[in-house]
Amino acid sequence: MNEYITQRNALLAGKVIKGLESRNMAGYYAASREEAKAIALSLIDEGASVTMGGAMSAHEIGLVDALKAGNYRFIDRDACEDKRQAMLLAYDADVFLSSANAITEDGVMINIDGNANRVSAICQGPKKVVFIVGMNKVCPDVDSAMKRARNVAAPINAQRFGLNTPCARTGACMDCKNPDTICCQFLMTRFSRHKGRIHVILVNDSLGF
């Protein structure tokens, strides 16, 4: 990555981390994908039960492969015949992996969900939640973060899942009520009542959507 972008990302990440800390959440900055994976693994005890939502970022840094190959009880929803049961297991997991559709410079995270399994697990259940967030998802404020979630993340995910939504065809949110919509639940994570539960790893890279 360009050295000037790297410098900017490191400075901006410092601001985001201070914002997260003021909200009772822990923040970390990784200069590379490999460093992000190492930080994530340091937060997960061996033997821990680990599951996730559809976090592409966790795949992109090699974390999912490392968990499958290591001494962890990784609950692979995609490999389970009963996906509902696999999703329910997330609420009692030691660690839940996620990303964010967007995060503000002062540490507020925005996530949109269709089935609510991801946002509900972020809210309550798993003992620890570890977010992997590329610096491409940092936005100035809540309004711009919501716009990014609706106009960047949602259309791309609708296309990825082959859904018949207006945003999949136009590339922008149409505020639809289409049966295929994935914009069913909107979660704003602005504070954690439980210190040590939410950990956010900011990565000097463009990850996810």
N, C-alpha and C. Protein backbone atom coordinates (compact mmCIF):
# COMPACT_ATOMS: atom_id res chain seq x y z
N MET A 1 0.85 -1.19 0.00
CA MET A 1 0.00 0.00 0.00
C MET A 1 0.88 1.24 0.00
N ASN A 2 0.44 2.29 -0.68
CA ASN A 2 1.17 3.55 -0.76
C ASN A 2 1.55 4.05 0.63
N GLU A 3 2.80 4.51 0.80
CA GLU A 3 3.29 4.90 2.13
C GLU A 3 2.51 6.06 2.72
N TYR A 4 2.01 6.96 1.86
CA TYR A 4 1.27 8.10 2.38
C TYR A 4 -0.13 7.68 2.85
N ILE A 5 -0.72 6.73 2.16
CA ILE A 5 -2.01 6.19 2.61
C ILE A 5 -1.81 5.45 3.93
N THR A 6 -0.70 4.72 4.04
CA THR A 6 -0.40 4.00 5.27
C THR A 6 -0.24 4.97 6.44
N GLN A 7 0.48 6.07 6.20
CA GLN A 7 0.65 7.08 7.25
C GLN A 7 -0.69 7.67 7.67
N ARG A 8 -1.49 7.99 6.69
CA ARG A 8 -2.81 8.56 6.98
C ARG A 8 -3.66 7.57 7.75
N ASN A 9 -3.65 6.29 7.33
CA ASN A 9 -4.45 5.28 7.99
C ASN A 9 -4.05 5.09 9.44
N ALA A 10 -2.74 5.11 9.70
CA ALA A 10 -2.26 4.94 11.08
C ALA A 10 -2.74 6.09 11.96
N LEU A 11 -2.68 7.30 11.44
CA LEU A 11 -3.13 8.46 12.21
C LEU A 11 -4.63 8.42 12.44
N LEU A 12 -5.38 8.10 11.39
CA LEU A 12 -6.83 8.04 11.52
C LEU A 12 -7.25 6.91 12.46
N ALA A 13 -6.56 5.78 12.37
CA ALA A 13 -6.88 4.66 13.25
C ALA A 13 -6.69 5.04 14.71
N GLY A 14 -5.67 5.84 14.99
CA GLY A 14 -5.46 6.30 16.36
C GLY A 14 -6.65 7.07 16.88
N LYS A 15 -7.23 7.89 16.03
CA LYS A 15 -8.42 8.66 16.41
C LYS A 15 -9.60 7.74 16.66
N VAL A 16 -9.79 6.76 15.78
CA VAL A 16 -10.91 5.81 15.94
C VAL A 16 -10.74 5.01 17.22
N ILE A 17 -9.51 4.58 17.52
CA ILE A 17 -9.26 3.78 18.71
C ILE A 17 -9.57 4.57 19.98
N LYS A 18 -9.21 5.85 20.00
CA LYS A 18 -9.57 6.69 21.15
C LYS A 18 -11.08 6.78 21.30
N GLY A 19 -11.78 6.88 20.18
CA GLY A 19 -13.24 6.92 20.21
C GLY A 19 -13.81 5.62 20.76
N LEU A 20 -13.25 4.49 20.32
CA LEU A 20 -13.71 3.19 20.81
C LEU A 20 -13.49 3.07 22.31
N GLU A 21 -12.31 3.49 22.76
CA GLU A 21 -12.00 3.39 24.19
C GLU A 21 -12.95 4.24 25.03
N SER A 22 -13.35 5.38 24.49
CA SER A 22 -14.30 6.23 25.21
C SER A 22 -15.68 5.60 25.29
N ARG A 23 -15.89 4.59 24.46
CA ARG A 23 -17.17 3.88 24.40
C ARG A 23 -17.09 2.50 25.04
N ASN A 24 -16.04 2.28 25.85
CA ASN A 24 -15.86 1.03 26.59
C ASN A 24 -15.58 -0.16 25.68
N MET A 25 -14.99 0.11 24.51
CA MET A 25 -14.59 -0.94 23.59
C MET A 25 -13.09 -0.83 23.34
N ALA A 26 -12.46 -1.96 23.04
CA ALA A 26 -11.02 -1.98 22.81
C ALA A 26 -10.72 -1.88 21.32
N GLY A 27 -9.73 -1.07 20.97
CA GLY A 27 -9.35 -0.90 19.57
C GLY A 27 -7.89 -1.24 19.35
N TYR A 28 -7.57 -1.76 18.17
CA TYR A 28 -6.21 -2.15 17.81
C TYR A 28 -5.97 -1.73 16.36
N TYR A 29 -4.72 -1.45 16.03
CA TYR A 29 -4.39 -1.13 14.64
C TYR A 29 -3.39 -2.14 14.12
N ALA A 30 -3.68 -2.71 12.96
CA ALA A 30 -2.79 -3.67 12.31
C ALA A 30 -2.29 -3.08 11.00
N ALA A 31 -1.00 -3.05 10.83
CA ALA A 31 -0.42 -2.47 9.62
C ALA A 31 -0.55 -3.39 8.41
N SER A 32 -0.92 -4.65 8.64
CA SER A 32 -1.05 -5.62 7.54
C SER A 32 -2.10 -6.66 7.90
N ARG A 33 -2.49 -7.45 6.92
CA ARG A 33 -3.44 -8.53 7.16
C ARG A 33 -2.86 -9.57 8.11
N GLU A 34 -1.58 -9.87 7.94
CA GLU A 34 -0.93 -10.86 8.79
C GLU A 34 -0.92 -10.39 10.25
N GLU A 35 -0.64 -9.13 10.46
CA GLU A 35 -0.65 -8.58 11.81
C GLU A 35 -2.06 -8.61 12.40
N ALA A 36 -3.05 -8.33 11.56
CA ALA A 36 -4.44 -8.38 12.02
C ALA A 36 -4.80 -9.78 12.48
N LYS A 37 -4.38 -10.78 11.71
CA LYS A 37 -4.65 -12.17 12.09
C LYS A 37 -3.99 -12.50 13.42
N ALA A 38 -2.75 -12.05 13.61
CA ALA A 38 -2.03 -12.33 14.85
C ALA A 38 -2.72 -11.68 16.05
N ILE A 39 -3.19 -10.45 15.88
CA ILE A 39 -3.90 -9.77 16.97
C ILE A 39 -5.18 -10.52 17.31
N ALA A 40 -5.92 -10.91 16.28
CA ALA A 40 -7.18 -11.63 16.50
C ALA A 40 -6.94 -12.94 17.25
N LEU A 41 -5.94 -13.69 16.84
CA LEU A 41 -5.64 -14.97 17.50
C LEU A 41 -5.20 -14.76 18.95
N SER A 42 -4.54 -13.62 19.23
CA SER A 42 -4.13 -13.33 20.61
C SER A 42 -5.32 -13.06 21.51
N LEU A 43 -6.46 -12.73 20.91
CA LEU A 43 -7.67 -12.43 21.67
C LEU A 43 -8.55 -13.67 21.86
N ILE A 44 -8.17 -14.78 21.22
CA ILE A 44 -8.98 -16.00 21.26
C ILE A 44 -8.20 -17.10 21.95
N ASP A 45 -8.69 -17.57 23.08
CA ASP A 45 -8.01 -18.63 23.82
C ASP A 45 -8.10 -19.96 23.07
N GLU A 46 -7.05 -20.75 23.18
CA GLU A 46 -7.10 -22.09 22.58
C GLU A 46 -8.22 -22.89 23.23
N GLY A 47 -8.91 -23.66 22.42
CA GLY A 47 -10.03 -24.45 22.89
C GLY A 47 -11.34 -23.70 22.92
N ALA A 48 -11.30 -22.40 22.62
CA ALA A 48 -12.52 -21.59 22.66
C ALA A 48 -13.46 -21.97 21.53
N SER A 49 -14.76 -21.83 21.79
CA SER A 49 -15.75 -22.01 20.72
C SER A 49 -15.86 -20.68 19.98
N VAL A 50 -15.77 -20.75 18.66
CA VAL A 50 -15.74 -19.54 17.83
C VAL A 50 -16.73 -19.69 16.69
N THR A 51 -17.50 -18.67 16.44
CA THR A 51 -18.39 -18.67 15.30
C THR A 51 -18.43 -17.26 14.71
N MET A 52 -19.22 -17.07 13.68
CA MET A 52 -19.19 -15.79 12.99
C MET A 52 -20.45 -15.57 12.17
N GLY A 53 -20.63 -14.32 11.77
CA GLY A 53 -21.65 -14.00 10.78
C GLY A 53 -21.00 -14.15 9.42
N GLY A 54 -21.44 -13.39 8.45
CA GLY A 54 -20.84 -13.50 7.12
C GLY A 54 -19.71 -12.52 6.92
N ALA A 55 -18.71 -12.56 7.80
CA ALA A 55 -17.63 -11.58 7.79
C ALA A 55 -16.57 -11.94 6.75
N MET A 56 -16.65 -11.33 5.58
CA MET A 56 -15.65 -11.57 4.55
C MET A 56 -14.26 -11.15 5.01
N SER A 57 -14.19 -10.11 5.82
CA SER A 57 -12.89 -9.60 6.28
C SER A 57 -12.11 -10.65 7.07
N ALA A 58 -12.81 -11.46 7.87
CA ALA A 58 -12.14 -12.51 8.64
C ALA A 58 -11.53 -13.56 7.71
N HIS A 59 -12.21 -13.83 6.60
CA HIS A 59 -11.66 -14.75 5.60
C HIS A 59 -10.45 -14.11 4.92
N GLU A 60 -10.55 -12.84 4.59
CA GLU A 60 -9.52 -12.17 3.79
C GLU A 60 -8.18 -12.05 4.52
N ILE A 61 -8.21 -11.98 5.85
CA ILE A 61 -6.93 -11.89 6.59
C ILE A 61 -6.40 -13.28 6.96
N GLY A 62 -7.10 -14.33 6.57
CA GLY A 62 -6.65 -15.69 6.85
C GLY A 62 -7.03 -16.20 8.22
N LEU A 63 -7.89 -15.46 8.93
CA LEU A 63 -8.26 -15.85 10.29
C LEU A 63 -9.10 -17.12 10.33
N VAL A 64 -10.04 -17.25 9.42
CA VAL A 64 -10.92 -18.42 9.43
C VAL A 64 -10.11 -19.69 9.18
N ASP A 65 -9.21 -19.65 8.22
CA ASP A 65 -8.37 -20.83 7.95
C ASP A 65 -7.52 -21.18 9.16
N ALA A 66 -7.00 -20.15 9.84
CA ALA A 66 -6.16 -20.39 11.02
C ALA A 66 -6.96 -21.03 12.14
N LEU A 67 -8.19 -20.60 12.31
CA LEU A 67 -9.04 -21.17 13.36
C LEU A 67 -9.41 -22.62 13.05
N LYS A 68 -9.70 -22.89 11.78
CA LYS A 68 -10.04 -24.26 11.39
C LYS A 68 -8.85 -25.21 11.57
N ALA A 69 -7.65 -24.68 11.35
CA ALA A 69 -6.45 -25.51 11.44
C ALA A 69 -5.91 -25.60 12.86
N GLY A 70 -6.35 -24.70 13.74
CA GLY A 70 -5.81 -24.64 15.09
C GLY A 70 -6.65 -25.38 16.12
N ASN A 71 -6.27 -25.19 17.37
CA ASN A 71 -6.94 -25.85 18.49
C ASN A 71 -8.11 -25.01 18.98
N TYR A 72 -9.13 -24.92 18.13
CA TYR A 72 -10.32 -24.14 18.45
C TYR A 72 -11.55 -24.95 18.04
N ARG A 73 -12.67 -24.66 18.68
CA ARG A 73 -13.94 -25.29 18.29
C ARG A 73 -14.67 -24.31 17.37
N PHE A 74 -14.31 -24.35 16.10
CA PHE A 74 -14.89 -23.42 15.14
C PHE A 74 -16.21 -23.97 14.61
N ILE A 75 -17.26 -23.20 14.81
CA ILE A 75 -18.60 -23.59 14.34
C ILE A 75 -18.78 -23.02 12.94
N ASP A 76 -18.66 -23.87 11.95
CA ASP A 76 -18.73 -23.44 10.55
C ASP A 76 -20.19 -23.54 10.07
N ARG A 77 -20.85 -22.42 10.08
CA ARG A 77 -22.27 -22.40 9.69
C ARG A 77 -22.47 -22.95 8.28
N ASP A 78 -21.57 -22.62 7.37
CA ASP A 78 -21.72 -23.04 5.98
C ASP A 78 -21.58 -24.55 5.81
N ALA A 79 -20.92 -25.20 6.78
CA ALA A 79 -20.71 -26.65 6.67
C ALA A 79 -21.78 -27.44 7.42
N CYS A 80 -22.68 -26.74 8.10
CA CYS A 80 -23.72 -27.41 8.89
C CYS A 80 -24.98 -27.61 8.06
N GLU A 81 -25.58 -28.79 8.19
CA GLU A 81 -26.85 -29.04 7.50
C GLU A 81 -27.97 -28.20 8.10
N ASP A 82 -27.97 -28.08 9.42
CA ASP A 82 -28.99 -27.29 10.11
C ASP A 82 -28.40 -25.91 10.41
N LYS A 83 -28.55 -25.00 9.46
CA LYS A 83 -27.95 -23.67 9.60
C LYS A 83 -28.58 -22.87 10.74
N ARG A 84 -29.87 -23.09 10.96
CA ARG A 84 -30.52 -22.39 12.07
C ARG A 84 -29.90 -22.79 13.40
N GLN A 85 -29.66 -24.08 13.58
CA GLN A 85 -29.05 -24.55 14.82
C GLN A 85 -27.64 -23.97 14.96
N ALA A 86 -26.91 -23.91 13.85
CA ALA A 86 -25.56 -23.35 13.89
C ALA A 86 -25.60 -21.88 14.29
N MET A 87 -26.59 -21.15 13.78
CA MET A 87 -26.71 -19.74 14.13
C MET A 87 -27.07 -19.56 15.60
N LEU A 88 -27.91 -20.46 16.12
CA LEU A 88 -28.30 -20.37 17.53
C LEU A 88 -27.12 -20.64 18.46
N LEU A 89 -26.20 -21.50 18.02
CA LEU A 89 -25.02 -21.79 18.83
C LEU A 89 -24.15 -20.55 19.03
N ALA A 90 -24.29 -19.58 18.15
CA ALA A 90 -23.48 -18.36 18.27
C ALA A 90 -23.73 -17.63 19.58
N TYR A 91 -24.96 -17.71 20.09
CA TYR A 91 -25.30 -16.94 21.29
C TYR A 91 -24.61 -17.44 22.55
N ASP A 92 -24.12 -18.69 22.51
CA ASP A 92 -23.42 -19.24 23.67
C ASP A 92 -21.94 -19.45 23.38
N ALA A 93 -21.45 -18.88 22.28
CA ALA A 93 -20.05 -19.07 21.90
C ALA A 93 -19.13 -18.21 22.77
N ASP A 94 -17.88 -18.65 22.86
CA ASP A 94 -16.89 -17.84 23.56
C ASP A 94 -16.55 -16.59 22.77
N VAL A 95 -16.46 -16.76 21.45
CA VAL A 95 -16.06 -15.64 20.59
C VAL A 95 -16.92 -15.60 19.33
N PHE A 96 -17.39 -14.41 18.99
CA PHE A 96 -18.13 -14.19 17.75
C PHE A 96 -17.31 -13.24 16.89
N LEU A 97 -17.07 -13.64 15.64
CA LEU A 97 -16.33 -12.81 14.70
C LEU A 97 -17.28 -12.03 13.82
N SER A 98 -16.95 -10.78 13.57
CA SER A 98 -17.80 -9.96 12.72
C SER A 98 -16.93 -8.91 12.02
N SER A 99 -17.58 -8.16 11.17
CA SER A 99 -16.98 -6.96 10.64
C SER A 99 -18.00 -5.86 10.86
N ALA A 100 -17.77 -4.72 10.28
CA ALA A 100 -18.74 -3.63 10.35
C ALA A 100 -18.99 -3.13 8.94
N ASN A 101 -20.22 -2.76 8.67
CA ASN A 101 -20.50 -2.16 7.36
C ASN A 101 -19.87 -0.77 7.28
N ALA A 102 -19.73 -0.13 8.45
CA ALA A 102 -19.09 1.18 8.52
C ALA A 102 -18.76 1.48 9.97
N ILE A 103 -17.76 2.34 10.18
CA ILE A 103 -17.40 2.79 11.52
C ILE A 103 -17.03 4.26 11.45
N THR A 104 -17.46 5.03 12.41
CA THR A 104 -17.19 6.47 12.40
C THR A 104 -15.81 6.75 12.99
N GLU A 105 -15.33 7.95 12.75
CA GLU A 105 -14.03 8.36 13.26
C GLU A 105 -14.00 8.40 14.79
N ASP A 106 -15.18 8.50 15.41
CA ASP A 106 -15.21 8.50 16.88
C ASP A 106 -15.74 7.18 17.45
N GLY A 107 -15.71 6.11 16.63
CA GLY A 107 -15.90 4.78 17.16
C GLY A 107 -17.30 4.20 17.20
N VAL A 108 -18.24 4.74 16.45
CA VAL A 108 -19.58 4.18 16.37
C VAL A 108 -19.63 3.23 15.16
N MET A 109 -20.13 2.01 15.38
CA MET A 109 -20.22 1.05 14.27
C MET A 109 -21.66 0.89 13.79
N ILE A 110 -21.81 0.77 12.46
CA ILE A 110 -23.11 0.57 11.83
C ILE A 110 -23.11 -0.78 11.13
N ASN A 111 -24.15 -1.56 11.38
CA ASN A 111 -24.32 -2.85 10.70
C ASN A 111 -25.77 -3.02 10.26
N ILE A 112 -25.95 -3.55 9.06
CA ILE A 112 -27.26 -3.85 8.51
C ILE A 112 -27.35 -5.36 8.34
N ASP A 113 -28.52 -5.93 8.63
CA ASP A 113 -28.66 -7.38 8.57
C ASP A 113 -30.02 -7.77 7.99
N GLY A 114 -30.06 -8.95 7.39
CA GLY A 114 -31.31 -9.45 6.84
C GLY A 114 -32.01 -10.42 7.79
N ASN A 115 -31.25 -11.40 8.32
CA ASN A 115 -31.83 -12.40 9.22
C ASN A 115 -31.69 -12.04 10.69
N ALA A 116 -30.87 -11.05 11.00
CA ALA A 116 -30.63 -10.56 12.36
C ALA A 116 -29.73 -11.45 13.19
N ASN A 117 -29.26 -12.59 12.65
CA ASN A 117 -28.38 -13.44 13.44
C ASN A 117 -27.07 -12.73 13.78
N ARG A 118 -26.56 -11.93 12.84
CA ARG A 118 -25.29 -11.23 13.09
C ARG A 118 -25.48 -10.09 14.08
N VAL A 119 -26.43 -9.21 13.81
CA VAL A 119 -26.58 -8.04 14.69
C VAL A 119 -27.05 -8.44 16.08
N SER A 120 -27.86 -9.50 16.18
CA SER A 120 -28.32 -9.92 17.49
C SER A 120 -27.19 -10.51 18.32
N ALA A 121 -26.27 -11.24 17.66
CA ALA A 121 -25.11 -11.79 18.38
C ALA A 121 -24.15 -10.69 18.80
N ILE A 122 -24.03 -9.65 17.99
CA ILE A 122 -23.21 -8.51 18.38
C ILE A 122 -23.77 -7.88 19.65
N CYS A 123 -25.09 -7.78 19.71
CA CYS A 123 -25.75 -7.13 20.85
C CYS A 123 -25.62 -7.93 22.13
N GLN A 124 -25.83 -9.24 22.05
CA GLN A 124 -25.95 -10.01 23.28
C GLN A 124 -25.72 -11.49 23.02
N GLY A 125 -25.08 -12.17 23.95
CA GLY A 125 -24.89 -13.60 23.84
C GLY A 125 -23.44 -14.01 23.96
N PRO A 126 -22.66 -13.96 22.86
CA PRO A 126 -21.27 -14.39 22.90
C PRO A 126 -20.47 -13.62 23.97
N LYS A 127 -19.54 -14.32 24.60
CA LYS A 127 -18.76 -13.69 25.67
C LYS A 127 -17.86 -12.58 25.13
N LYS A 128 -17.38 -12.75 23.90
CA LYS A 128 -16.48 -11.77 23.30
C LYS A 128 -16.83 -11.61 21.83
N VAL A 129 -16.77 -10.37 21.33
CA VAL A 129 -17.01 -10.10 19.92
C VAL A 129 -15.76 -9.43 19.35
N VAL A 130 -15.21 -10.02 18.30
CA VAL A 130 -14.01 -9.48 17.66
C VAL A 130 -14.37 -9.02 16.26
N PHE A 131 -14.20 -7.73 16.02
CA PHE A 131 -14.48 -7.13 14.72
C PHE A 131 -13.18 -7.00 13.93
N ILE A 132 -13.23 -7.35 12.64
CA ILE A 132 -12.13 -7.12 11.70
C ILE A 132 -12.63 -6.05 10.73
N VAL A 133 -12.01 -4.87 10.75
CA VAL A 133 -12.54 -3.75 9.98
C VAL A 133 -11.44 -3.09 9.16
N GLY A 134 -11.58 -3.13 7.83
CA GLY A 134 -10.64 -2.44 6.97
C GLY A 134 -10.80 -0.93 7.08
N MET A 135 -9.71 -0.21 6.85
CA MET A 135 -9.76 1.26 6.97
C MET A 135 -10.64 1.89 5.88
N ASN A 136 -11.00 1.11 4.86
CA ASN A 136 -11.92 1.60 3.84
C ASN A 136 -13.32 1.86 4.39
N LYS A 137 -13.60 1.36 5.58
CA LYS A 137 -14.94 1.49 6.16
C LYS A 137 -15.07 2.64 7.15
N VAL A 138 -14.00 3.38 7.35
CA VAL A 138 -14.04 4.51 8.29
C VAL A 138 -14.72 5.71 7.63
N CYS A 139 -15.70 6.27 8.31
CA CYS A 139 -16.47 7.41 7.81
C CYS A 139 -16.43 8.55 8.83
N PRO A 140 -16.63 9.78 8.38
CA PRO A 140 -16.54 10.92 9.29
C PRO A 140 -17.54 10.90 10.44
N ASP A 141 -18.78 10.49 10.15
CA ASP A 141 -19.82 10.59 11.17
C ASP A 141 -20.89 9.52 10.93
N VAL A 142 -21.90 9.49 11.81
CA VAL A 142 -22.94 8.47 11.73
C VAL A 142 -23.73 8.57 10.43
N ASP A 143 -24.03 9.79 10.00
CA ASP A 143 -24.80 9.95 8.77
C ASP A 143 -24.06 9.36 7.57
N SER A 144 -22.78 9.65 7.44
CA SER A 144 -22.01 9.12 6.31
C SER A 144 -21.79 7.62 6.46
N ALA A 145 -21.70 7.14 7.71
CA ALA A 145 -21.55 5.70 7.93
C ALA A 145 -22.82 4.96 7.52
N MET A 146 -23.97 5.52 7.85
CA MET A 146 -25.23 4.90 7.45
C MET A 146 -25.36 4.89 5.92
N LYS A 147 -24.95 5.98 5.29
CA LYS A 147 -25.02 6.04 3.83
C LYS A 147 -24.09 5.01 3.21
N ARG A 148 -22.91 4.82 3.80
CA ARG A 148 -22.00 3.81 3.27
C ARG A 148 -22.62 2.42 3.40
N ALA A 149 -23.18 2.13 4.57
CA ALA A 149 -23.79 0.81 4.80
C ALA A 149 -24.91 0.54 3.80
N ARG A 150 -25.72 1.56 3.52
CA ARG A 150 -26.88 1.37 2.66
C ARG A 150 -26.53 1.42 1.17
N ASN A 151 -25.55 2.22 0.80
CA ASN A 151 -25.27 2.45 -0.62
C ASN A 151 -24.02 1.77 -1.15
N VAL A 152 -23.21 1.22 -0.26
CA VAL A 152 -22.02 0.48 -0.70
C VAL A 152 -22.14 -0.98 -0.27
N ALA A 153 -22.21 -1.21 1.04
CA ALA A 153 -22.22 -2.58 1.55
C ALA A 153 -23.46 -3.36 1.13
N ALA A 154 -24.63 -2.77 1.32
CA ALA A 154 -25.88 -3.50 1.02
C ALA A 154 -26.01 -3.89 -0.45
N PRO A 155 -25.81 -2.97 -1.40
CA PRO A 155 -25.94 -3.38 -2.81
C PRO A 155 -24.95 -4.48 -3.22
N ILE A 156 -23.72 -4.37 -2.73
CA ILE A 156 -22.72 -5.38 -3.08
C ILE A 156 -23.09 -6.73 -2.50
N ASN A 157 -23.55 -6.73 -1.25
CA ASN A 157 -23.95 -8.01 -0.64
C ASN A 157 -25.18 -8.59 -1.31
N ALA A 158 -26.11 -7.74 -1.72
CA ALA A 158 -27.29 -8.22 -2.45
C ALA A 158 -26.88 -8.87 -3.77
N GLN A 159 -25.91 -8.27 -4.44
CA GLN A 159 -25.39 -8.86 -5.68
C GLN A 159 -24.67 -10.17 -5.40
N ARG A 160 -23.89 -10.18 -4.32
CA ARG A 160 -23.12 -11.38 -3.95
C ARG A 160 -24.03 -12.57 -3.68
N PHE A 161 -25.18 -12.31 -3.06
CA PHE A 161 -26.12 -13.38 -2.74
C PHE A 161 -27.13 -13.65 -3.85
N GLY A 162 -27.02 -12.91 -4.96
CA GLY A 162 -27.92 -13.12 -6.08
C GLY A 162 -29.36 -12.74 -5.78
N LEU A 163 -29.55 -11.68 -5.01
CA LEU A 163 -30.89 -11.27 -4.61
C LEU A 163 -31.53 -10.34 -5.63
N ASN A 164 -32.84 -10.40 -5.70
CA ASN A 164 -33.58 -9.60 -6.68
C ASN A 164 -34.08 -8.31 -6.00
N THR A 165 -33.13 -7.45 -5.66
CA THR A 165 -33.48 -6.17 -5.02
C THR A 165 -33.17 -5.02 -5.96
N PRO A 166 -33.83 -3.88 -5.78
CA PRO A 166 -33.52 -2.72 -6.61
C PRO A 166 -32.05 -2.30 -6.53
N CYS A 167 -31.47 -2.39 -5.32
CA CYS A 167 -30.07 -1.96 -5.17
C CYS A 167 -29.11 -2.88 -5.92
N ALA A 168 -29.48 -4.17 -6.07
CA ALA A 168 -28.64 -5.09 -6.82
C ALA A 168 -28.61 -4.72 -8.29
N ARG A 169 -29.70 -4.08 -8.75
CA ARG A 169 -29.77 -3.68 -10.16
C ARG A 169 -29.24 -2.27 -10.41
N THR A 170 -29.37 -1.39 -9.41
CA THR A 170 -28.98 0.01 -9.61
C THR A 170 -27.66 0.37 -8.95
N GLY A 171 -27.24 -0.42 -7.94
CA GLY A 171 -26.01 -0.12 -7.21
C GLY A 171 -26.19 0.88 -6.09
N ALA A 172 -27.43 1.28 -5.83
CA ALA A 172 -27.69 2.26 -4.77
C ALA A 172 -28.97 1.89 -4.03
N CYS A 173 -29.05 2.30 -2.77
CA CYS A 173 -30.23 2.00 -1.96
C CYS A 173 -31.46 2.70 -2.51
N MET A 174 -32.55 1.96 -2.61
CA MET A 174 -33.82 2.52 -3.07
C MET A 174 -34.86 2.51 -1.93
N ASP A 175 -34.39 2.24 -0.71
CA ASP A 175 -35.27 2.19 0.46
C ASP A 175 -36.45 1.26 0.21
N CYS A 176 -36.15 0.08 -0.32
CA CYS A 176 -37.21 -0.83 -0.79
C CYS A 176 -37.81 -1.65 0.34
N LYS A 177 -38.94 -2.26 0.01
CA LYS A 177 -39.57 -3.26 0.88
C LYS A 177 -39.71 -4.57 0.11
N ASN A 178 -38.73 -4.81 -0.74
CA ASN A 178 -38.69 -6.02 -1.55
C ASN A 178 -38.55 -7.25 -0.65
N PRO A 179 -39.21 -8.37 -0.99
CA PRO A 179 -39.08 -9.58 -0.16
C PRO A 179 -37.64 -10.05 0.01
N ASP A 180 -36.76 -9.70 -0.92
CA ASP A 180 -35.36 -10.12 -0.85
C ASP A 180 -34.48 -9.15 -0.07
N THR A 181 -35.04 -8.06 0.41
CA THR A 181 -34.20 -7.03 1.03
C THR A 181 -33.35 -7.60 2.17
N ILE A 182 -32.11 -7.14 2.26
CA ILE A 182 -31.26 -7.51 3.39
C ILE A 182 -31.19 -6.37 4.40
N CYS A 183 -31.89 -5.29 4.13
CA CYS A 183 -31.90 -4.14 5.05
C CYS A 183 -33.10 -4.24 5.99
N CYS A 184 -33.09 -5.29 6.80
CA CYS A 184 -34.22 -5.53 7.71
C CYS A 184 -33.96 -4.97 9.10
N GLN A 185 -32.73 -5.09 9.58
CA GLN A 185 -32.36 -4.58 10.89
C GLN A 185 -31.14 -3.68 10.76
N PHE A 186 -31.17 -2.55 11.43
CA PHE A 186 -30.06 -1.60 11.46
C PHE A 186 -29.54 -1.53 12.89
N LEU A 187 -28.26 -1.79 13.08
CA LEU A 187 -27.68 -1.76 14.42
C LEU A 187 -26.61 -0.67 14.50
N MET A 188 -26.75 0.21 15.49
CA MET A 188 -25.73 1.20 15.79
C MET A 188 -25.10 0.81 17.13
N THR A 189 -23.83 0.47 17.11
CA THR A 189 -23.12 0.12 18.33
C THR A 189 -22.32 1.33 18.78
N ARG A 190 -22.82 2.02 19.79
CA ARG A 190 -22.20 3.27 20.22
C ARG A 190 -21.55 3.16 21.59
N PHE A 191 -21.80 2.07 22.33
CA PHE A 191 -21.20 1.89 23.65
C PHE A 191 -21.36 0.43 24.05
N SER A 192 -20.41 -0.08 24.82
CA SER A 192 -20.51 -1.43 25.36
C SER A 192 -20.61 -1.34 26.88
N ARG A 193 -21.67 -1.85 27.42
CA ARG A 193 -21.82 -1.82 28.87
C ARG A 193 -20.82 -2.74 29.55
N HIS A 194 -20.36 -3.77 28.80
CA HIS A 194 -19.49 -4.78 29.38
C HIS A 194 -18.06 -4.59 28.87
N LYS A 195 -17.20 -4.02 29.71
CA LYS A 195 -15.82 -3.76 29.33
C LYS A 195 -15.11 -5.08 29.02
N GLY A 196 -14.35 -5.11 27.94
CA GLY A 196 -13.61 -6.30 27.56
C GLY A 196 -14.37 -7.24 26.65
N ARG A 197 -15.62 -6.88 26.31
CA ARG A 197 -16.41 -7.77 25.43
C ARG A 197 -16.17 -7.47 23.96
N ILE A 198 -16.14 -6.21 23.58
CA ILE A 198 -16.03 -5.85 22.17
C ILE A 198 -14.62 -5.37 21.85
N HIS A 199 -14.03 -6.01 20.83
CA HIS A 199 -12.68 -5.69 20.38
C HIS A 199 -12.73 -5.39 18.88
N VAL A 200 -12.12 -4.30 18.48
CA VAL A 200 -12.16 -3.88 17.07
C VAL A 200 -10.75 -3.77 16.53
N ILE A 201 -10.43 -4.59 15.53
CA ILE A 201 -9.12 -4.55 14.89
C ILE A 201 -9.25 -3.79 13.58
N LEU A 202 -8.63 -2.63 13.51
CA LEU A 202 -8.60 -1.82 12.30
C LEU A 202 -7.39 -2.23 11.47
N VAL A 203 -7.63 -2.49 10.20
CA VAL A 203 -6.58 -3.05 9.34
C VAL A 203 -6.21 -2.08 8.22
N ASN A 204 -4.93 -1.86 8.05
CA ASN A 204 -4.41 -0.99 7.01
C ASN A 204 -4.57 -1.65 5.64
N ASP A 205 -5.84 -1.79 5.22
CA ASP A 205 -6.13 -2.46 3.96
C ASP A 205 -7.59 -2.20 3.62
N SER A 206 -7.95 -2.54 2.40
CA SER A 206 -9.35 -2.47 1.98
C SER A 206 -9.91 -3.88 2.10
N LEU A 207 -10.83 -4.05 3.06
CA LEU A 207 -11.37 -5.39 3.34
C LEU A 207 -12.89 -5.36 3.25
N GLY A 208 -13.47 -6.47 2.83
CA GLY A 208 -14.91 -6.59 2.80
C GLY A 208 -15.56 -5.58 1.88
N PHE A 209 -16.82 -5.26 2.18
CA PHE A 209 -17.59 -4.38 1.31
C PHE A 209 -18.11 -3.16 2.06
